[in-house]
């Protein structure tokens, strides 16, 4: 089964909205980074370090902060480029998430404030399974319902 899984071509591949994934992540990481750096500056001030030690602490914490921000942006961008692959019997989201059509209890569209801003939506598939950050221009609910019905006909 595993060998056919990797050689099977998806029926449809759907990318989540990159802007919806990356922009909020960048904003949150930068805000948290600023709070972290302000905390470092406050500690340096309260410790009353000499000028050389103070400079070393500030520069090293700023370098660490920049590294963490770059890593966060890279991971968010990588996550945004993971497509939802639709197969005959399942949906694969990235390398790990696997949702069989028989496990889908219902399909409901959900939107929060960020989704409205970025014109995206999430599909709740039941059993704590979601397809997140889907562009509003692509309405996948009917296609998903057809794949569920097809899968049910195949399984019995």
N, C-alpha and C. Protein backbone atom coordinates (compact mmCIF):
# COMPACT_ATOMS: atom_id res chain seq x y z
N UNK A 1 0.82 -1.20 0.00
CA UNK A 1 0.00 0.00 0.00
C UNK A 1 0.86 1.25 0.00
N UNK A 2 1.95 1.29 0.75
CA UNK A 2 2.80 2.47 0.82
C UNK A 2 3.45 2.79 -0.52
N UNK A 3 3.83 1.78 -1.28
CA UNK A 3 4.47 2.06 -2.57
C UNK A 3 3.48 2.68 -3.54
N UNK A 4 2.21 2.23 -3.51
CA UNK A 4 1.23 2.83 -4.41
C UNK A 4 0.86 4.23 -3.95
N UNK A 5 0.92 4.49 -2.66
CA UNK A 5 0.58 5.80 -2.13
C UNK A 5 1.51 6.87 -2.69
N UNK A 6 2.79 6.58 -2.77
CA UNK A 6 3.74 7.57 -3.24
C UNK A 6 3.77 7.68 -4.76
N UNK A 7 3.34 6.65 -5.47
CA UNK A 7 3.36 6.71 -6.92
C UNK A 7 2.03 7.20 -7.50
N UNK A 8 0.98 7.23 -6.70
CA UNK A 8 -0.34 7.65 -7.16
C UNK A 8 -0.39 9.17 -7.38
N UNK A 9 -0.96 9.57 -8.49
CA UNK A 9 -1.10 10.99 -8.80
C UNK A 9 -2.40 11.52 -8.18
N UNK A 10 -2.36 12.70 -7.59
CA UNK A 10 -3.60 13.25 -7.02
C UNK A 10 -4.58 13.65 -8.11
N UNK A 11 -5.89 13.58 -7.78
CA UNK A 11 -6.92 14.03 -8.70
C UNK A 11 -6.94 15.55 -8.78
N UNK A 12 -6.62 16.18 -7.66
CA UNK A 12 -6.66 17.63 -7.59
C UNK A 12 -5.71 18.08 -6.49
N UNK A 13 -5.01 19.17 -6.71
CA UNK A 13 -4.12 19.76 -5.70
C UNK A 13 -4.55 21.20 -5.47
N UNK A 14 -4.69 21.56 -4.21
CA UNK A 14 -5.16 22.89 -3.85
C UNK A 14 -4.19 23.52 -2.86
N UNK A 15 -3.64 24.67 -3.22
CA UNK A 15 -2.73 25.39 -2.33
C UNK A 15 -3.52 26.35 -1.44
N UNK A 16 -3.17 26.41 -0.15
CA UNK A 16 -3.79 27.44 0.69
C UNK A 16 -3.29 28.82 0.28
N UNK A 17 -3.97 29.84 0.73
CA UNK A 17 -3.58 31.22 0.43
C UNK A 17 -2.27 31.54 1.15
N UNK A 18 -1.25 31.87 0.37
CA UNK A 18 0.07 32.17 0.96
C UNK A 18 0.00 33.42 1.83
N UNK A 19 -0.69 34.44 1.34
CA UNK A 19 -0.79 35.68 2.11
C UNK A 19 -1.44 35.44 3.46
N UNK A 20 -2.47 34.61 3.50
CA UNK A 20 -3.21 34.35 4.74
C UNK A 20 -2.34 33.60 5.75
N UNK A 21 -1.45 32.79 5.28
CA UNK A 21 -0.58 32.02 6.18
C UNK A 21 0.62 32.86 6.63
N UNK A 22 1.26 33.54 5.69
CA UNK A 22 2.55 34.18 5.97
C UNK A 22 2.40 35.52 6.69
N UNK A 23 1.51 36.39 6.24
CA UNK A 23 1.44 37.74 6.80
C UNK A 23 1.08 37.75 8.29
N UNK A 24 0.03 37.04 8.75
CA UNK A 24 -0.24 37.04 10.19
C UNK A 24 0.90 36.42 11.01
N UNK A 25 1.56 35.42 10.45
CA UNK A 25 2.68 34.80 11.17
C UNK A 25 3.83 35.79 11.32
N UNK A 26 4.14 36.54 10.25
CA UNK A 26 5.22 37.54 10.32
C UNK A 26 4.88 38.61 11.36
N UNK A 27 3.65 39.09 11.33
CA UNK A 27 3.25 40.13 12.28
C UNK A 27 3.37 39.64 13.71
N UNK A 28 2.89 38.44 13.99
CA UNK A 28 2.96 37.93 15.37
C UNK A 28 4.40 37.70 15.81
N UNK A 29 5.23 37.17 14.93
CA UNK A 29 6.63 36.93 15.29
C UNK A 29 7.36 38.25 15.54
N UNK A 30 7.13 39.25 14.71
CA UNK A 30 7.79 40.54 14.90
C UNK A 30 7.33 41.21 16.19
N UNK A 31 6.03 41.18 16.47
CA UNK A 31 5.53 41.78 17.72
C UNK A 31 6.11 41.07 18.93
N UNK A 32 6.11 39.74 18.92
CA UNK A 32 6.71 39.01 20.04
C UNK A 32 8.21 39.27 20.14
N UNK A 33 8.87 39.43 19.00
CA UNK A 33 10.30 39.75 18.99
C UNK A 33 10.58 41.10 19.61
N UNK A 34 9.74 42.08 19.31
CA UNK A 34 9.91 43.42 19.90
C UNK A 34 9.73 43.35 21.41
N UNK A 35 8.72 42.61 21.86
CA UNK A 35 8.51 42.46 23.31
C UNK A 35 9.72 41.78 23.95
N UNK A 36 10.25 40.76 23.30
CA UNK A 36 11.43 40.07 23.81
C UNK A 36 12.62 41.02 23.91
N UNK A 37 12.85 41.80 22.86
CA UNK A 37 14.00 42.71 22.84
C UNK A 37 13.84 43.81 23.88
N UNK A 38 12.62 44.31 24.06
CA UNK A 38 12.39 45.31 25.11
C UNK A 38 12.67 44.72 26.50
N UNK A 39 12.32 43.45 26.69
CA UNK A 39 12.64 42.78 27.95
C UNK A 39 14.14 42.66 28.16
N UNK A 40 14.87 42.36 27.10
CA UNK A 40 16.34 42.28 27.19
C UNK A 40 16.91 43.65 27.54
N UNK A 41 16.41 44.70 26.88
CA UNK A 41 16.90 46.05 27.17
C UNK A 41 16.62 46.45 28.62
N UNK A 42 15.46 46.10 29.13
CA UNK A 42 15.12 46.40 30.51
C UNK A 42 16.06 45.66 31.47
N UNK A 43 16.32 44.39 31.19
CA UNK A 43 17.24 43.62 32.04
C UNK A 43 18.65 44.18 31.99
N UNK A 44 19.10 44.56 30.82
CA UNK A 44 20.45 45.14 30.69
C UNK A 44 20.53 46.44 31.50
N UNK A 45 19.50 47.24 31.43
CA UNK A 45 19.48 48.49 32.18
C UNK A 45 19.50 48.23 33.69
N UNK A 46 18.69 47.25 34.14
CA UNK A 46 18.61 46.97 35.58
C UNK A 46 19.87 46.29 36.12
N UNK A 47 20.59 45.55 35.27
CA UNK A 47 21.81 44.88 35.72
C UNK A 47 23.00 45.84 35.83
N UNK A 48 22.90 47.00 35.25
CA UNK A 48 23.95 48.01 35.28
C UNK A 48 25.29 47.44 34.82
N UNK A 49 25.29 46.86 33.63
CA UNK A 49 26.51 46.30 33.04
C UNK A 49 27.38 47.43 32.50
N UNK A 50 28.68 47.12 32.33
CA UNK A 50 29.54 48.13 31.70
C UNK A 50 29.23 48.18 30.21
N UNK A 51 29.77 49.15 29.51
CA UNK A 51 29.43 49.42 28.12
C UNK A 51 29.73 48.24 27.20
N UNK A 52 30.86 47.57 27.40
CA UNK A 52 31.24 46.45 26.53
C UNK A 52 30.29 45.27 26.72
N UNK A 53 29.99 44.94 27.97
CA UNK A 53 29.07 43.83 28.23
C UNK A 53 27.67 44.15 27.71
N UNK A 54 27.25 45.39 27.91
CA UNK A 54 25.93 45.82 27.45
C UNK A 54 25.82 45.68 25.93
N UNK A 55 26.84 46.09 25.21
CA UNK A 55 26.85 45.98 23.75
C UNK A 55 26.80 44.53 23.31
N UNK A 56 27.57 43.67 23.95
CA UNK A 56 27.58 42.24 23.60
C UNK A 56 26.19 41.63 23.80
N UNK A 57 25.57 41.93 24.92
CA UNK A 57 24.24 41.37 25.21
C UNK A 57 23.21 41.88 24.20
N UNK A 58 23.24 43.17 23.91
CA UNK A 58 22.27 43.74 22.97
C UNK A 58 22.44 43.17 21.57
N UNK A 59 23.69 43.12 21.09
CA UNK A 59 23.95 42.62 19.73
C UNK A 59 23.61 41.14 19.62
N UNK A 60 24.00 40.34 20.61
CA UNK A 60 23.73 38.90 20.53
C UNK A 60 22.23 38.61 20.63
N UNK A 61 21.51 39.35 21.47
CA UNK A 61 20.06 39.12 21.55
C UNK A 61 19.37 39.59 20.27
N UNK A 62 19.86 40.68 19.67
CA UNK A 62 19.29 41.15 18.41
C UNK A 62 19.56 40.14 17.29
N UNK A 63 20.78 39.59 17.27
CA UNK A 63 21.10 38.57 16.25
C UNK A 63 20.24 37.33 16.44
N UNK A 64 20.05 36.90 17.67
CA UNK A 64 19.19 35.74 17.95
C UNK A 64 17.75 36.04 17.52
N UNK A 65 17.30 37.23 17.82
CA UNK A 65 15.95 37.62 17.43
C UNK A 65 15.76 37.61 15.92
N UNK A 66 16.72 38.15 15.18
CA UNK A 66 16.64 38.16 13.72
C UNK A 66 16.65 36.74 13.17
N UNK A 67 17.46 35.88 13.75
CA UNK A 67 17.51 34.47 13.34
C UNK A 67 16.17 33.78 13.57
N UNK A 68 15.56 34.03 14.71
CA UNK A 68 14.26 33.42 15.02
C UNK A 68 13.18 33.94 14.07
N UNK A 69 13.20 35.22 13.76
CA UNK A 69 12.22 35.80 12.82
C UNK A 69 12.39 35.18 11.44
N UNK A 70 13.63 35.06 10.99
CA UNK A 70 13.89 34.46 9.67
C UNK A 70 13.43 33.00 9.63
N UNK A 71 13.68 32.26 10.70
CA UNK A 71 13.23 30.87 10.77
C UNK A 71 11.71 30.78 10.75
N UNK A 72 11.05 31.66 11.49
CA UNK A 72 9.58 31.68 11.51
C UNK A 72 8.99 32.00 10.16
N UNK A 73 9.59 32.96 9.45
CA UNK A 73 9.10 33.32 8.11
C UNK A 73 9.31 32.15 7.15
N UNK A 74 10.47 31.51 7.23
CA UNK A 74 10.73 30.36 6.37
C UNK A 74 9.72 29.24 6.62
N UNK A 75 9.48 28.93 7.90
CA UNK A 75 8.53 27.85 8.22
C UNK A 75 7.11 28.20 7.78
N UNK A 76 6.71 29.46 7.94
CA UNK A 76 5.38 29.87 7.50
C UNK A 76 5.25 29.77 5.98
N UNK A 77 6.29 30.20 5.27
CA UNK A 77 6.27 30.11 3.81
C UNK A 77 6.24 28.65 3.35
N UNK A 78 7.01 27.80 4.03
CA UNK A 78 7.02 26.38 3.70
C UNK A 78 5.64 25.76 3.95
N UNK A 79 5.01 26.14 5.05
CA UNK A 79 3.67 25.64 5.36
C UNK A 79 2.67 26.11 4.30
N UNK A 80 2.81 27.33 3.83
CA UNK A 80 1.89 27.86 2.83
C UNK A 80 2.04 27.17 1.48
N UNK A 81 3.17 26.55 1.24
CA UNK A 81 3.40 25.87 -0.04
C UNK A 81 3.07 24.38 0.02
N UNK A 82 2.49 23.90 1.11
CA UNK A 82 2.07 22.51 1.23
C UNK A 82 0.65 22.37 0.68
N UNK A 83 0.47 21.73 -0.46
CA UNK A 83 -0.87 21.64 -1.05
C UNK A 83 -1.73 20.60 -0.35
N UNK A 84 -3.03 20.77 -0.49
CA UNK A 84 -3.98 19.72 -0.12
C UNK A 84 -4.14 18.87 -1.38
N UNK A 85 -3.74 17.61 -1.32
CA UNK A 85 -3.84 16.70 -2.45
C UNK A 85 -5.05 15.81 -2.27
N UNK A 86 -5.93 15.83 -3.26
CA UNK A 86 -7.15 15.03 -3.23
C UNK A 86 -6.94 13.77 -4.07
N UNK A 87 -7.13 12.62 -3.44
CA UNK A 87 -7.02 11.33 -4.11
C UNK A 87 -8.40 10.68 -4.15
N UNK A 88 -8.50 9.49 -4.70
CA UNK A 88 -9.79 8.79 -4.81
C UNK A 88 -10.41 8.49 -3.45
N UNK A 89 -9.55 8.19 -2.44
CA UNK A 89 -10.06 7.76 -1.15
C UNK A 89 -9.65 8.62 0.03
N UNK A 90 -8.84 9.70 -0.22
CA UNK A 90 -8.31 10.46 0.90
C UNK A 90 -7.86 11.85 0.46
N UNK A 91 -7.60 12.66 1.47
CA UNK A 91 -6.97 13.98 1.28
C UNK A 91 -5.67 13.95 2.07
N UNK A 92 -4.60 14.38 1.44
CA UNK A 92 -3.33 14.51 2.14
C UNK A 92 -2.98 15.98 2.25
N UNK A 93 -2.67 16.38 3.47
CA UNK A 93 -2.27 17.76 3.73
C UNK A 93 -0.83 17.73 4.22
N UNK A 94 0.09 18.07 3.36
CA UNK A 94 1.50 17.97 3.74
C UNK A 94 1.93 16.52 3.75
N UNK A 95 2.91 16.22 4.57
CA UNK A 95 3.43 14.86 4.63
C UNK A 95 2.73 14.00 5.66
N UNK A 96 2.16 14.62 6.69
CA UNK A 96 1.67 13.85 7.82
C UNK A 96 0.15 13.68 7.83
N UNK A 97 -0.57 14.76 7.59
CA UNK A 97 -2.02 14.71 7.74
C UNK A 97 -2.66 13.90 6.62
N UNK A 98 -3.48 12.96 7.03
CA UNK A 98 -4.16 12.07 6.10
C UNK A 98 -5.62 11.98 6.54
N UNK A 99 -6.53 12.36 5.66
CA UNK A 99 -7.96 12.34 5.97
C UNK A 99 -8.65 11.46 4.95
N UNK A 100 -9.22 10.35 5.41
CA UNK A 100 -9.99 9.48 4.52
C UNK A 100 -11.40 10.05 4.39
N UNK A 101 -11.97 9.95 3.20
CA UNK A 101 -13.30 10.49 2.96
C UNK A 101 -14.34 9.85 3.87
N UNK A 102 -14.13 8.59 4.25
CA UNK A 102 -15.08 7.92 5.14
C UNK A 102 -15.03 8.51 6.55
N UNK A 103 -13.95 9.22 6.91
CA UNK A 103 -13.83 9.84 8.23
C UNK A 103 -14.49 11.22 8.28
N UNK A 104 -14.90 11.74 7.14
CA UNK A 104 -15.51 13.07 7.09
C UNK A 104 -16.98 12.94 7.49
N UNK A 105 -17.36 13.62 8.58
CA UNK A 105 -18.74 13.53 9.06
C UNK A 105 -19.63 14.62 8.47
N UNK A 106 -19.05 15.70 8.04
CA UNK A 106 -19.81 16.80 7.44
C UNK A 106 -18.84 17.84 6.94
N UNK A 107 -19.34 18.70 6.09
CA UNK A 107 -18.51 19.75 5.53
C UNK A 107 -19.19 21.08 5.82
N UNK A 108 -18.52 21.93 6.61
CA UNK A 108 -19.09 23.25 6.88
C UNK A 108 -18.01 24.31 6.72
N UNK A 109 -18.42 25.40 6.12
CA UNK A 109 -17.51 26.51 5.83
C UNK A 109 -17.47 27.44 7.04
N UNK A 110 -16.25 27.84 7.45
CA UNK A 110 -16.09 28.75 8.59
C UNK A 110 -15.14 29.87 8.19
N UNK A 111 -15.42 31.06 8.72
CA UNK A 111 -14.58 32.23 8.47
C UNK A 111 -14.42 33.01 9.76
N UNK A 112 -13.18 33.43 10.03
CA UNK A 112 -12.96 34.34 11.15
C UNK A 112 -12.57 35.71 10.59
N UNK A 113 -12.19 36.63 11.46
CA UNK A 113 -11.89 37.99 11.02
C UNK A 113 -10.73 38.02 10.02
N UNK A 114 -9.66 37.28 10.31
CA UNK A 114 -8.51 37.25 9.40
C UNK A 114 -8.90 36.65 8.06
N UNK A 115 -9.77 35.64 8.07
CA UNK A 115 -10.23 35.05 6.81
C UNK A 115 -10.99 36.08 5.97
N UNK A 116 -11.80 36.90 6.62
CA UNK A 116 -12.54 37.93 5.88
C UNK A 116 -11.60 38.97 5.30
N UNK A 117 -10.56 39.34 6.06
CA UNK A 117 -9.59 40.32 5.56
C UNK A 117 -8.85 39.78 4.35
N UNK A 118 -8.41 38.51 4.43
CA UNK A 118 -7.60 37.92 3.36
C UNK A 118 -8.44 37.17 2.33
N UNK A 119 -9.76 37.21 2.45
CA UNK A 119 -10.69 36.55 1.53
C UNK A 119 -10.41 35.05 1.42
N UNK A 120 -10.38 34.41 2.58
CA UNK A 120 -10.18 32.96 2.64
C UNK A 120 -11.26 32.36 3.53
N UNK A 121 -11.27 31.04 3.63
CA UNK A 121 -12.18 30.33 4.53
C UNK A 121 -11.55 29.01 4.93
N UNK A 122 -12.15 28.40 5.94
CA UNK A 122 -11.72 27.08 6.42
C UNK A 122 -12.88 26.12 6.25
N UNK A 123 -12.57 24.88 5.94
CA UNK A 123 -13.60 23.84 5.88
C UNK A 123 -13.44 22.92 7.07
N UNK A 124 -14.49 22.82 7.86
CA UNK A 124 -14.52 21.88 8.98
C UNK A 124 -15.07 20.56 8.44
N UNK A 125 -14.25 19.51 8.50
CA UNK A 125 -14.65 18.21 7.97
C UNK A 125 -15.14 17.26 9.05
N UNK A 126 -15.27 17.75 10.27
CA UNK A 126 -15.68 16.91 11.39
C UNK A 126 -14.50 16.13 11.94
N UNK A 127 -14.67 15.57 13.11
CA UNK A 127 -13.62 14.77 13.77
C UNK A 127 -12.30 15.54 13.88
N UNK A 128 -12.41 16.86 14.12
CA UNK A 128 -11.24 17.74 14.28
C UNK A 128 -10.33 17.78 13.04
N UNK A 129 -10.90 17.59 11.88
CA UNK A 129 -10.17 17.71 10.61
C UNK A 129 -10.59 19.00 9.92
N UNK A 130 -9.59 19.74 9.44
CA UNK A 130 -9.86 21.01 8.78
C UNK A 130 -9.02 21.14 7.52
N UNK A 131 -9.55 21.85 6.54
CA UNK A 131 -8.78 22.37 5.43
C UNK A 131 -8.75 23.87 5.66
N UNK A 132 -7.58 24.42 5.89
CA UNK A 132 -7.46 25.80 6.33
C UNK A 132 -6.93 26.72 5.23
N UNK A 133 -7.34 27.98 5.33
CA UNK A 133 -6.82 29.07 4.50
C UNK A 133 -7.06 28.86 3.01
N UNK A 134 -8.24 28.41 2.66
CA UNK A 134 -8.59 28.20 1.26
C UNK A 134 -9.07 29.51 0.64
N UNK A 135 -8.63 29.84 -0.57
CA UNK A 135 -9.07 31.09 -1.21
C UNK A 135 -10.57 31.06 -1.49
N UNK A 136 -11.23 32.21 -1.30
CA UNK A 136 -12.67 32.29 -1.54
C UNK A 136 -13.04 32.01 -2.99
N UNK A 137 -12.11 32.30 -3.91
CA UNK A 137 -12.40 32.10 -5.33
C UNK A 137 -12.61 30.63 -5.67
N UNK A 138 -12.06 29.75 -4.86
CA UNK A 138 -12.14 28.31 -5.12
C UNK A 138 -13.13 27.70 -4.14
N UNK A 139 -14.29 27.29 -4.66
CA UNK A 139 -15.31 26.66 -3.84
C UNK A 139 -15.18 25.15 -3.99
N UNK A 140 -14.66 24.50 -2.98
CA UNK A 140 -14.30 23.08 -3.06
C UNK A 140 -15.35 22.18 -2.40
N UNK A 141 -16.36 22.75 -1.73
CA UNK A 141 -17.32 21.94 -0.97
C UNK A 141 -18.03 20.90 -1.84
N UNK A 142 -18.56 21.33 -3.00
CA UNK A 142 -19.30 20.39 -3.87
C UNK A 142 -18.39 19.28 -4.38
N UNK A 143 -17.18 19.63 -4.76
CA UNK A 143 -16.22 18.62 -5.23
C UNK A 143 -15.91 17.62 -4.12
N UNK A 144 -15.76 18.12 -2.91
CA UNK A 144 -15.48 17.26 -1.76
C UNK A 144 -16.67 16.34 -1.48
N UNK A 145 -17.88 16.86 -1.61
CA UNK A 145 -19.08 16.03 -1.41
C UNK A 145 -19.14 14.91 -2.46
N UNK A 146 -18.79 15.23 -3.70
CA UNK A 146 -18.79 14.22 -4.76
C UNK A 146 -17.74 13.14 -4.48
N UNK A 147 -16.56 13.55 -4.01
CA UNK A 147 -15.52 12.57 -3.69
C UNK A 147 -15.94 11.70 -2.51
N UNK A 148 -16.64 12.27 -1.53
CA UNK A 148 -17.15 11.48 -0.40
C UNK A 148 -18.15 10.44 -0.88
N UNK A 149 -19.07 10.85 -1.76
CA UNK A 149 -20.08 9.92 -2.29
C UNK A 149 -19.41 8.83 -3.11
N UNK A 150 -18.44 9.19 -3.93
CA UNK A 150 -17.71 8.21 -4.74
C UNK A 150 -16.99 7.20 -3.84
N UNK A 151 -16.36 7.71 -2.78
CA UNK A 151 -15.64 6.83 -1.85
C UNK A 151 -16.59 5.89 -1.13
N UNK A 152 -17.78 6.39 -0.75
CA UNK A 152 -18.76 5.53 -0.08
C UNK A 152 -19.27 4.44 -1.03
N UNK A 153 -19.43 4.77 -2.31
CA UNK A 153 -19.86 3.78 -3.29
C UNK A 153 -18.81 2.72 -3.50
N UNK A 154 -17.54 3.10 -3.46
CA UNK A 154 -16.46 2.13 -3.63
C UNK A 154 -16.35 1.18 -2.44
N UNK A 155 -16.56 1.75 -1.21
CA UNK A 155 -16.35 0.92 -0.02
C UNK A 155 -17.57 0.07 0.31
N UNK A 156 -18.67 0.36 -0.28
CA UNK A 156 -19.77 -0.55 -0.03
C UNK A 156 -21.05 0.14 0.02
